[in-house]
């Protein structure tokens, strides 16, 4: 075999490997128009708030794991692979990933664990917590439901069956009926995308004109969420009578959330939450 042929053959192999590598990188690149929804950001902050309550370190938000989570909830809603004996961690054959039926009797853990590597550049395993909600999903209620479910709480706090795990980062995906949270034990190097829409307005019980936008970087102590402004205003009037003079209403995406106060630092908001009367102990912290 001539040296020319060897060099040419080696060069062609290099080109092939390069093209395959570029193709894989392109396939695993998160789309440029991907962004976090406010509900996803809310749930992320709520999970960290819950972990802090139990003395657990806060998790970093992962762009890769969040994109996997969003991809999965959309697959679940659009293609319904969670039918018959297949559980919620199943994936359909309608996308650029390995289809699998995840169930109690015949399940392939790698099918779930390996999805971050299949879909993104995150090279490590991921562990998913996913739930279905019959009603239109509101992020405000998710953490309350999960806080009351022992198995879910164990996963969030790495207790019991998960005590050998050490979560470092987390990804969030939410749509109308599904919520998916992916945990990783290694940091994600992908830069975080922006939030899709950071606009929110404040409305008060005395019908003053709304302010232009809620100041970003503030922490709001949220007490309740309503479908109707009238109901929110009625509740707010009572809350003000109970001594919360700084209370107001955040309105976003057709929901009206009552906040008891706003703070410029998470520690101040956490301290205020810890000192709330018993009636208000279910309040949670939202960052805008």
Protein backbone atom coordinates (compact mmCIF):
# COMPACT_ATOMS: atom_id res chain seq x y z
CA UNK A 1 0.00 0.00 0.00
CA UNK A 2 1.50 3.35 -1.06
CA UNK A 3 2.15 6.16 1.41
CA UNK A 4 -0.10 8.35 -0.72
CA UNK A 5 -3.00 5.93 -0.29
CA UNK A 6 -2.40 5.62 3.45
CA UNK A 7 -2.32 9.39 3.90
CA UNK A 8 -5.41 9.84 1.73
CA UNK A 9 -7.27 7.10 3.60
CA UNK A 10 -6.29 8.61 6.95
CA UNK A 11 -7.38 12.05 5.78
CA UNK A 12 -10.78 10.74 4.61
CA UNK A 13 -11.33 8.98 7.93
CA UNK A 14 -10.53 12.19 9.76
CA UNK A 15 -13.04 14.08 7.64
CA UNK A 16 -15.71 11.45 8.30
CA UNK A 17 -15.12 11.53 12.05
CA UNK A 18 -15.17 15.33 11.98
CA UNK A 19 -18.48 15.41 10.09
CA UNK A 20 -20.01 12.88 12.47
CA UNK A 21 -18.80 14.90 15.42
CA UNK A 22 -20.22 18.11 13.98
CA UNK A 23 -23.52 16.38 13.26
CA UNK A 24 -23.74 15.07 16.83
CA UNK A 25 -22.86 18.49 18.24
CA UNK A 26 -25.50 20.13 16.04
CA UNK A 27 -28.12 17.60 17.10
CA UNK A 28 -27.32 18.12 20.77
CA UNK A 29 -27.25 21.90 20.67
CA UNK A 30 -30.10 23.62 22.50
CA UNK A 31 -32.12 25.79 20.04
CA UNK A 32 -31.29 29.48 20.18
CA UNK A 33 -34.96 30.42 20.71
CA UNK A 34 -35.28 28.22 23.81
CA UNK A 35 -36.13 30.17 26.99
CA UNK A 36 -37.46 29.52 30.49
CA UNK A 37 -41.11 30.20 31.26
CA UNK A 38 -42.05 32.10 34.41
CA UNK A 39 -43.79 28.99 35.77
CA UNK A 40 -40.58 27.01 35.33
CA UNK A 41 -38.56 29.69 37.09
CA UNK A 42 -41.15 29.83 39.89
CA UNK A 43 -40.90 26.09 40.47
CA UNK A 44 -37.10 26.23 40.44
CA UNK A 45 -37.10 28.87 43.20
CA UNK A 46 -39.72 26.95 45.16
CA UNK A 47 -37.65 23.75 45.06
CA UNK A 48 -34.61 25.62 46.37
CA UNK A 49 -36.73 27.30 49.04
CA UNK A 50 -38.01 23.89 50.13
CA UNK A 51 -34.49 22.44 50.22
CA UNK A 52 -33.27 25.40 52.27
CA UNK A 53 -36.05 24.77 54.78
CA UNK A 54 -34.66 21.28 55.31
CA UNK A 55 -31.05 22.46 55.48
CA UNK A 56 -30.15 21.23 51.99
CA UNK A 57 -27.88 23.25 49.68
CA UNK A 58 -29.44 25.09 46.79
CA UNK A 59 -29.25 23.61 43.31
CA UNK A 60 -27.98 25.33 40.18
CA UNK A 61 -30.41 25.74 37.32
CA UNK A 62 -29.34 23.65 34.31
CA UNK A 63 -30.13 24.75 30.77
CA UNK A 64 -29.50 21.24 29.39
CA UNK A 65 -31.65 19.40 31.92
CA UNK A 66 -34.39 22.01 31.59
CA UNK A 67 -34.44 21.53 27.83
CA UNK A 68 -34.71 17.76 28.34
CA UNK A 69 -37.56 18.34 30.80
CA UNK A 70 -39.40 20.65 28.39
CA UNK A 71 -38.89 18.19 25.54
CA UNK A 72 -40.29 15.37 27.65
CA UNK A 73 -43.42 17.15 28.89
CA UNK A 74 -44.20 18.14 25.30
CA UNK A 75 -43.67 14.55 24.14
CA UNK A 76 -45.96 13.32 26.91
CA UNK A 77 -48.67 15.82 26.06
CA UNK A 78 -48.48 15.52 22.28
CA UNK A 79 -47.67 11.83 21.77
CA UNK A 80 -48.82 10.15 25.00
CA UNK A 81 -46.22 7.38 25.43
CA UNK A 82 -47.54 6.98 29.01
CA UNK A 83 -50.35 4.62 28.04
CA UNK A 84 -51.21 1.04 28.90
CA UNK A 85 -48.33 -0.37 30.99
CA UNK A 86 -45.92 2.47 30.15
CA UNK A 87 -45.24 5.00 32.91
CA UNK A 88 -44.64 8.74 32.84
CA UNK A 89 -40.89 8.32 32.31
CA UNK A 90 -41.59 6.72 28.92
CA UNK A 91 -40.68 8.36 25.61
CA UNK A 92 -42.41 8.04 22.24
CA UNK A 93 -40.78 7.27 18.90
CA UNK A 94 -41.74 10.70 17.54
CA UNK A 95 -38.48 12.52 18.15
CA UNK A 96 -34.70 12.48 17.90
CA UNK A 97 -34.26 10.14 20.85
CA UNK A 98 -34.54 6.46 21.76
CA UNK A 99 -38.15 5.43 22.36
CA UNK A 100 -38.81 3.44 25.50
CA UNK A 101 -41.60 2.08 27.66
CA UNK A 102 -40.72 2.64 31.32
CA UNK A 103 -42.72 0.54 33.77
CA UNK A 104 -42.45 -1.42 37.00
CA UNK A 105 -41.97 -4.84 35.40
CA UNK A 106 -39.89 -4.34 32.27
CA UNK A 107 -38.02 -1.07 32.43
CA UNK A 108 -34.76 0.19 31.09
CA UNK A 109 -33.29 2.70 33.53
CA UNK A 110 -30.65 3.76 31.03
CA UNK A 111 -33.42 4.85 28.67
CA UNK A 112 -34.40 7.48 31.22
CA UNK A 113 -30.95 8.17 32.69
CA UNK A 114 -29.38 8.63 29.25
CA UNK A 115 -31.83 11.17 27.79
CA UNK A 116 -29.65 14.22 28.65
CA UNK A 117 -26.78 12.67 26.67
CA UNK A 118 -29.10 11.84 23.77
CA UNK A 119 -30.76 15.24 23.53
CA UNK A 120 -28.15 17.73 24.79
CA UNK A 121 -24.41 18.04 25.34
CA UNK A 122 -24.76 17.22 29.05
CA UNK A 123 -22.57 14.08 29.26
CA UNK A 124 -23.89 12.63 32.52
CA UNK A 125 -26.92 10.74 33.74
CA UNK A 126 -30.11 12.55 34.68
CA UNK A 127 -32.82 11.46 37.12
CA UNK A 128 -36.40 12.50 36.50
CA UNK A 129 -39.36 13.37 38.69
CA UNK A 130 -42.43 13.75 36.50
CA UNK A 131 -46.11 14.12 37.28
CA UNK A 132 -49.41 14.49 35.44
CA UNK A 133 -52.16 16.86 36.56
CA UNK A 134 -55.75 16.51 35.32
CA UNK A 135 -56.50 20.22 35.60
CA UNK A 136 -54.62 22.96 33.80
CA UNK A 137 -51.26 23.07 35.55
CA UNK A 138 -50.40 26.02 37.77
CA UNK A 139 -46.88 26.08 39.19
CA UNK A 140 -48.11 27.60 42.45
CA UNK A 141 -49.73 24.32 43.47
CA UNK A 142 -47.02 21.86 42.38
CA UNK A 143 -44.67 22.32 45.31
CA UNK A 144 -47.54 22.03 47.80
CA UNK A 145 -48.59 18.71 46.28
CA UNK A 146 -45.02 17.42 46.17
CA UNK A 147 -44.30 18.55 49.74
CA UNK A 148 -47.07 16.25 50.93
CA UNK A 149 -45.86 13.19 49.00
CA UNK A 150 -43.18 11.33 50.99
CA UNK A 151 -41.53 9.58 48.02
CA UNK A 152 -41.36 12.81 46.05
CA UNK A 153 -40.00 14.71 49.02
CA UNK A 154 -37.35 12.03 49.50
CA UNK A 155 -36.16 12.57 45.93
CA UNK A 156 -36.17 16.36 46.25
CA UNK A 157 -34.18 16.16 49.49
CA UNK A 158 -32.01 13.08 48.65
CA UNK A 159 -33.33 11.00 51.55
CA UNK A 160 -34.15 7.30 51.97
CA UNK A 161 -33.79 5.61 48.55
CA UNK A 162 -31.93 8.70 47.26
CA UNK A 163 -29.55 9.26 50.16
CA UNK A 164 -26.56 8.11 48.09
CA UNK A 165 -27.27 10.81 45.50
CA UNK A 166 -25.91 14.34 45.62
CA UNK A 167 -27.86 16.66 43.38
CA UNK A 168 -25.86 19.57 42.01
CA UNK A 169 -28.13 20.97 39.32
CA UNK A 170 -31.74 20.73 38.28
CA UNK A 171 -33.83 21.26 35.15
CA UNK A 172 -37.52 22.22 34.99
CA UNK A 173 -40.11 21.67 32.26
CA UNK A 174 -43.80 22.56 32.56
CA UNK A 175 -46.74 22.63 30.17
CA UNK A 176 -50.51 22.50 30.62
CA UNK A 177 -50.72 19.08 32.28
CA UNK A 178 -47.20 17.79 32.95
CA UNK A 179 -44.35 18.89 35.18
CA UNK A 180 -40.88 17.36 34.83
CA UNK A 181 -37.86 17.94 37.05
CA UNK A 182 -34.45 16.47 36.13
CA UNK A 183 -31.65 16.19 38.67
CA UNK A 184 -27.95 15.95 37.85
CA UNK A 185 -24.95 15.07 40.01
CA UNK A 186 -22.51 17.04 37.87
CA UNK A 187 -22.51 20.70 36.89
CA UNK A 188 -23.88 21.80 33.52
CA UNK A 189 -21.49 23.93 31.43
CA UNK A 190 -24.14 25.29 29.06
CA UNK A 191 -25.02 28.97 29.55
CA UNK A 192 -28.50 29.70 30.83
CA UNK A 193 -31.02 31.13 28.35
CA UNK A 194 -33.24 34.08 29.18
CA UNK A 195 -36.73 34.01 30.66
CA UNK A 196 -39.36 34.08 27.92
CA UNK A 197 -41.35 36.94 29.42
CA UNK A 198 -40.35 38.89 32.52
CA UNK A 199 -43.22 41.37 32.33
CA UNK A 200 -45.68 41.44 35.21
CA UNK A 201 -47.89 44.20 36.59
CA UNK A 202 -48.93 45.08 40.12
CA UNK A 203 -52.56 45.85 40.98
CA UNK A 204 -53.89 46.98 44.34
CA UNK A 205 -57.20 46.70 46.15
CA UNK A 206 -57.93 50.41 45.93
CA UNK A 207 -57.92 50.28 42.12
CA UNK A 208 -54.86 52.44 41.65
CA UNK A 209 -53.30 52.34 38.21
CA UNK A 210 -50.91 49.38 37.75
CA UNK A 211 -47.21 50.12 37.79
CA UNK A 212 -45.37 49.54 34.52
CA UNK A 213 -43.47 46.43 35.56
CA UNK A 214 -42.46 44.52 38.64
CA UNK A 215 -38.86 45.33 39.49
CA UNK A 216 -36.59 42.44 38.64
CA UNK A 217 -34.45 41.06 41.43
CA UNK A 218 -37.11 41.37 44.14
CA UNK A 219 -38.40 38.46 46.19
CA UNK A 220 -42.17 38.34 46.72
CA UNK A 221 -43.80 36.41 49.55
CA UNK A 222 -46.80 34.83 47.79
CA UNK A 223 -49.84 33.75 49.81
CA UNK A 224 -52.48 32.76 47.25
CA UNK A 225 -53.41 32.56 43.59
CA UNK A 226 -56.81 33.30 42.03
CA UNK A 227 -58.52 33.00 38.65
CA UNK A 228 -60.61 36.14 39.13
CA UNK A 229 -59.43 39.62 40.07
CA UNK A 230 -62.53 40.18 42.21
CA UNK A 231 -61.68 37.17 44.38
CA UNK A 232 -58.09 38.32 44.71
CA UNK A 233 -59.15 41.84 45.70
CA UNK A 234 -61.59 40.53 48.32
CA UNK A 235 -58.88 38.33 49.82
CA UNK A 236 -56.37 41.18 49.70
CA UNK A 237 -58.67 43.51 51.64
CA UNK A 238 -58.88 40.96 54.45
CA UNK A 239 -55.13 40.41 54.41
CA UNK A 240 -54.52 44.14 54.75
CA UNK A 241 -56.93 44.22 57.71
CA UNK A 242 -54.79 41.46 59.26
CA UNK A 243 -51.80 43.76 59.30
CA UNK A 244 -50.06 43.19 55.95
CA UNK A 245 -50.06 46.83 54.85
CA UNK A 246 -47.55 46.19 52.02
CA UNK A 247 -49.58 43.37 50.46
CA UNK A 248 -50.56 43.59 46.81
CA UNK A 249 -51.45 41.53 43.77
CA UNK A 250 -49.21 40.33 40.95
CA UNK A 251 -51.04 39.60 37.74
CA UNK A 252 -49.52 37.40 35.05
CA UNK A 253 -50.94 35.01 32.41
CA UNK A 254 -54.48 35.40 33.70
CA UNK A 255 -53.56 34.53 37.31
CA UNK A 256 -53.76 36.92 40.26
CA UNK A 257 -51.22 36.19 43.00
CA UNK A 258 -51.38 37.91 46.37
CA UNK A 259 -48.06 38.85 47.88
CA UNK A 260 -47.65 39.73 51.56
CA UNK A 261 -44.49 41.76 51.00
CA UNK A 262 -41.54 42.22 48.67
CA UNK A 263 -37.87 42.07 49.61
CA UNK A 264 -34.59 42.89 47.91
CA UNK A 265 -32.79 39.86 49.34
CA UNK A 266 -33.72 36.18 49.68
CA UNK A 267 -32.59 36.14 53.33
CA UNK A 268 -35.03 38.91 54.21
CA UNK A 269 -37.87 37.11 52.43
CA UNK A 270 -36.98 33.81 54.12
CA UNK A 271 -36.85 35.47 57.55
CA UNK A 272 -40.26 37.05 56.94
CA UNK A 273 -41.68 33.70 55.85
CA UNK A 274 -40.34 31.96 58.96
CA UNK A 275 -42.06 34.53 61.18
CA UNK A 276 -45.47 34.43 59.55
CA UNK A 277 -48.54 33.56 61.67
CA UNK A 278 -49.79 29.98 61.33
CA UNK A 279 -52.54 30.95 58.86
CA UNK A 280 -49.90 32.14 56.41
CA UNK A 281 -47.28 29.39 56.83
CA UNK A 282 -48.06 27.95 53.39
CA UNK A 283 -46.76 31.10 51.68
CA UNK A 284 -43.88 30.69 49.27
CA UNK A 285 -41.17 32.92 47.82
CA UNK A 286 -41.25 34.03 44.19
CA UNK A 287 -38.43 35.94 42.52
CA UNK A 288 -39.13 38.31 39.63
